[in-house]
Amino acid sequence: MEELRYTETNAADDSAGRAFGLDGNLYLPAAIAVVGALIGFTVLNFVFHAGLLASGLLVALPLAAVLGWILCLKHNRPAGYDRDLLATWWGGGNFTREEIP
């Protein structure tokens, strides 16, 4: 009789990992937004001579939007949660484009 082959298996769920407390690659948009905010603040402050408060407020808006998207709609949520939520808000949550009376 032929000998049985023994192989090790891993029954765990696949994970994209974690970095800086964020799942998968969610740290990339956050890091890019922070670097972009620093560059924008520097350009507004030194090239266009805007005030510190004006520069800070102008770069804080896109940074807050990116961080809000990551923390409210992506982090610890199922895949596609943000797209499903926006589709629900814009289309009423059904699968048709027609209005239901």
C-alpha atoms as a PDB file:
ATOM      1  CA  MET A   1       0.000   0.000   0.000  1.00  0.00           C
ATOM      2  CA  GLU A   2       1.202   3.482  -0.850  1.00  0.00           C
ATOM      3  CA  GLU A   3       2.242   5.715   2.030  1.00  0.00           C
ATOM      4  CA  LEU A   4       0.050   8.744   2.776  1.00  0.00           C
ATOM      5  CA  ARG A   5       1.525  12.126   2.047  1.00  0.00           C
ATOM      6  CA  TYR A   6       1.484  14.616   4.952  1.00  0.00           C
ATOM      7  CA  THR A   7       1.424  18.356   4.234  1.00  0.00           C
ATOM      8  CA  GLU A   8       0.981  21.237   6.626  1.00  0.00           C
ATOM      9  CA  THR A   9      -1.935  23.561   5.954  1.00  0.00           C
ATOM     10  CA  ASN A  10      -2.956  26.908   7.296  1.00  0.00           C
ATOM     11  CA  ALA A  11      -6.651  27.294   8.006  1.00  0.00           C
ATOM     12  CA  ALA A  12      -6.386  30.916   9.118  1.00  0.00           C
ATOM     13  CA  ASP A  13      -8.014  33.799   7.246  1.00  0.00           C
ATOM     14  CA  ASP A  14      -5.823  35.669   4.818  1.00  0.00           C
ATOM     15  CA  SER A  15      -4.803  39.063   6.084  1.00  0.00           C
ATOM     16  CA  ALA A  16      -3.279  41.999   4.277  1.00  0.00           C
ATOM     17  CA  GLY A  17      -1.431  42.862   7.494  1.00  0.00           C
ATOM     18  CA  ARG A  18      -1.363  45.992   9.592  1.00  0.00           C
ATOM     19  CA  ALA A  19       0.830  49.056   9.546  1.00  0.00           C
ATOM     20  CA  PHE A  20       0.559  51.982  11.973  1.00  0.00           C
ATOM     21  CA  GLY A  21      -2.672  50.456  13.301  1.00  0.00           C
ATOM     22  CA  LEU A  22      -4.380  50.531   9.899  1.00  0.00           C
ATOM     23  CA  ASP A  23      -5.418  47.416   7.980  1.00  0.00           C
ATOM     24  CA  GLY A  24      -3.675  46.539   4.730  1.00  0.00           C
ATOM     25  CA  ASN A  25      -2.350  49.435   2.703  1.00  0.00           C
ATOM     26  CA  LEU A  26      -4.558  52.105   4.299  1.00  0.00           C
ATOM     27  CA  TYR A  27      -1.465  53.823   5.642  1.00  0.00           C
ATOM     28  CA  LEU A  28      -0.450  54.830   2.097  1.00  0.00           C
ATOM     29  CA  PRO A  29      -3.241  57.380   1.437  1.00  0.00           C
ATOM     30  CA  ALA A  30      -2.778  58.725   4.969  1.00  0.00           C
ATOM     31  CA  ALA A  31       0.984  59.107   4.527  1.00  0.00           C
ATOM     32  CA  ILE A  32       0.581  60.682   1.079  1.00  0.00           C
ATOM     33  CA  ALA A  33      -2.034  63.109   2.450  1.00  0.00           C
ATOM     34  CA  VAL A  34       0.248  64.139   5.319  1.00  0.00           C
ATOM     35  CA  VAL A  35       3.216  64.687   2.987  1.00  0.00           C
ATOM     36  CA  GLY A  36       0.985  66.600   0.555  1.00  0.00           C
ATOM     37  CA  ALA A  37      -0.315  68.766   3.399  1.00  0.00           C
ATOM     38  CA  LEU A  38       3.226  69.570   4.522  1.00  0.00           C
ATOM     39  CA  ILE A  39       4.269  70.471   0.976  1.00  0.00           C
ATOM     40  CA  GLY A  40       1.105  72.517   0.457  1.00  0.00           C
ATOM     41  CA  PHE A  41       1.617  74.354   3.744  1.00  0.00           C
ATOM     42  CA  THR A  42       5.215  75.158   2.819  1.00  0.00           C
ATOM     43  CA  VAL A  43       4.298  76.386  -0.672  1.00  0.00           C
ATOM     44  CA  LEU A  44       1.386  78.496   0.562  1.00  0.00           C
ATOM     45  CA  ASN A  45       3.420  79.963   3.370  1.00  0.00           C
ATOM     46  CA  PHE A  46       6.729  80.702   1.674  1.00  0.00           C
ATOM     47  CA  VAL A  47       5.920  81.054  -2.039  1.00  0.00           C
ATOM     48  CA  PHE A  48       2.521  82.763  -1.889  1.00  0.00           C
ATOM     49  CA  HIS A  49       3.137  84.449   1.496  1.00  0.00           C
ATOM     50  CA  ALA A  50      -0.207  83.364   2.929  1.00  0.00           C
ATOM     51  CA  GLY A  51      -0.570  83.590   6.678  1.00  0.00           C
ATOM     52  CA  LEU A  52      -0.027  80.656   8.989  1.00  0.00           C
ATOM     53  CA  LEU A  53      -3.715  80.355   9.815  1.00  0.00           C
ATOM     54  CA  ALA A  54      -4.837  80.559   6.174  1.00  0.00           C
ATOM     55  CA  SER A  55      -2.233  78.017   5.070  1.00  0.00           C
ATOM     56  CA  GLY A  56      -3.139  75.681   7.893  1.00  0.00           C
ATOM     57  CA  LEU A  57      -6.856  75.847   7.154  1.00  0.00           C
ATOM     58  CA  LEU A  58      -6.375  75.315   3.418  1.00  0.00           C
ATOM     59  CA  VAL A  59      -4.260  72.194   3.836  1.00  0.00           C
ATOM     60  CA  ALA A  60      -6.356  70.852   6.724  1.00  0.00           C
ATOM     61  CA  LEU A  61      -9.479  70.404   4.581  1.00  0.00           C
ATOM     62  CA  PRO A  62      -8.136  67.768   2.147  1.00  0.00           C
ATOM     63  CA  LEU A  63      -6.148  66.111   4.934  1.00  0.00           C
ATOM     64  CA  ALA A  64      -9.282  65.828   7.094  1.00  0.00           C
ATOM     65  CA  ALA A  65     -11.254  64.453   4.127  1.00  0.00           C
ATOM     66  CA  VAL A  66      -8.692  61.709   3.447  1.00  0.00           C
ATOM     67  CA  LEU A  67      -8.338  60.781   7.114  1.00  0.00           C
ATOM     68  CA  GLY A  68     -12.125  60.799   7.552  1.00  0.00           C
ATOM     69  CA  TRP A  69     -12.555  58.502   4.549  1.00  0.00           C
ATOM     70  CA  ILE A  70      -9.956  56.111   5.913  1.00  0.00           C
ATOM     71  CA  LEU A  71     -11.097  56.054   9.535  1.00  0.00           C
ATOM     72  CA  CYS A  72     -14.874  56.217   8.984  1.00  0.00           C
ATOM     73  CA  LEU A  73     -15.379  54.240   5.776  1.00  0.00           C
ATOM     74  CA  LYS A  74     -12.420  51.872   5.361  1.00  0.00           C
ATOM     75  CA  HIS A  75     -10.757  50.927   8.675  1.00  0.00           C
ATOM     76  CA  ASN A  76     -12.296  47.813  10.343  1.00  0.00           C
ATOM     77  CA  ARG A  77     -15.026  47.653   7.703  1.00  0.00           C
ATOM     78  CA  PRO A  78     -15.784  44.906   5.193  1.00  0.00           C
ATOM     79  CA  ALA A  79     -14.424  45.196   1.662  1.00  0.00           C
ATOM     80  CA  GLY A  80     -16.535  47.548  -0.459  1.00  0.00           C
ATOM     81  CA  TYR A  81     -18.302  49.151   2.512  1.00  0.00           C
ATOM     82  CA  ASP A  82     -17.528  52.685   1.353  1.00  0.00           C
ATOM     83  CA  ARG A  83     -18.778  52.015  -2.187  1.00  0.00           C
ATOM     84  CA  ASP A  84     -21.938  50.325  -0.910  1.00  0.00           C
ATOM     85  CA  LEU A  85     -22.674  53.182   1.477  1.00  0.00           C
ATOM     86  CA  LEU A  86     -22.226  55.808  -1.238  1.00  0.00           C
ATOM     87  CA  ALA A  87     -24.401  53.784  -3.628  1.00  0.00           C
ATOM     88  CA  THR A  88     -27.071  53.606  -0.938  1.00  0.00           C
ATOM     89  CA  TRP A  89     -26.936  57.356  -0.363  1.00  0.00           C
ATOM     90  CA  TRP A  90     -26.999  58.234  -4.067  1.00  0.00           C
ATOM     91  CA  GLY A  91     -29.286  55.545  -5.430  1.00  0.00           C
ATOM     92  CA  GLY A  92     -31.571  54.594  -2.594  1.00  0.00           C
ATOM     93  CA  GLY A  93     -29.925  51.225  -1.958  1.00  0.00           C
ATOM     94  CA  ASN A  94     -31.743  49.170  -4.581  1.00  0.00           C
ATOM     95  CA  PHE A  95     -30.322  47.453  -7.629  1.00  0.00           C
ATOM     96  CA  THR A  96     -32.283  49.432 -10.202  1.00  0.00           C
ATOM     97  CA  ARG A  97     -31.979  52.962 -11.449  1.00  0.00           C
ATOM     98  CA  GLU A  98     -35.756  53.412 -11.489  1.00  0.00           C
ATOM     99  CA  GLU A  99     -37.601  55.111  -8.690  1.00  0.00           C
ATOM    100  CA  ILE A 100     -39.849  52.827  -6.674  1.00  0.00           C
ATOM    101  CA  PRO A 101     -43.239  54.452  -5.982  1.00  0.00           C
END
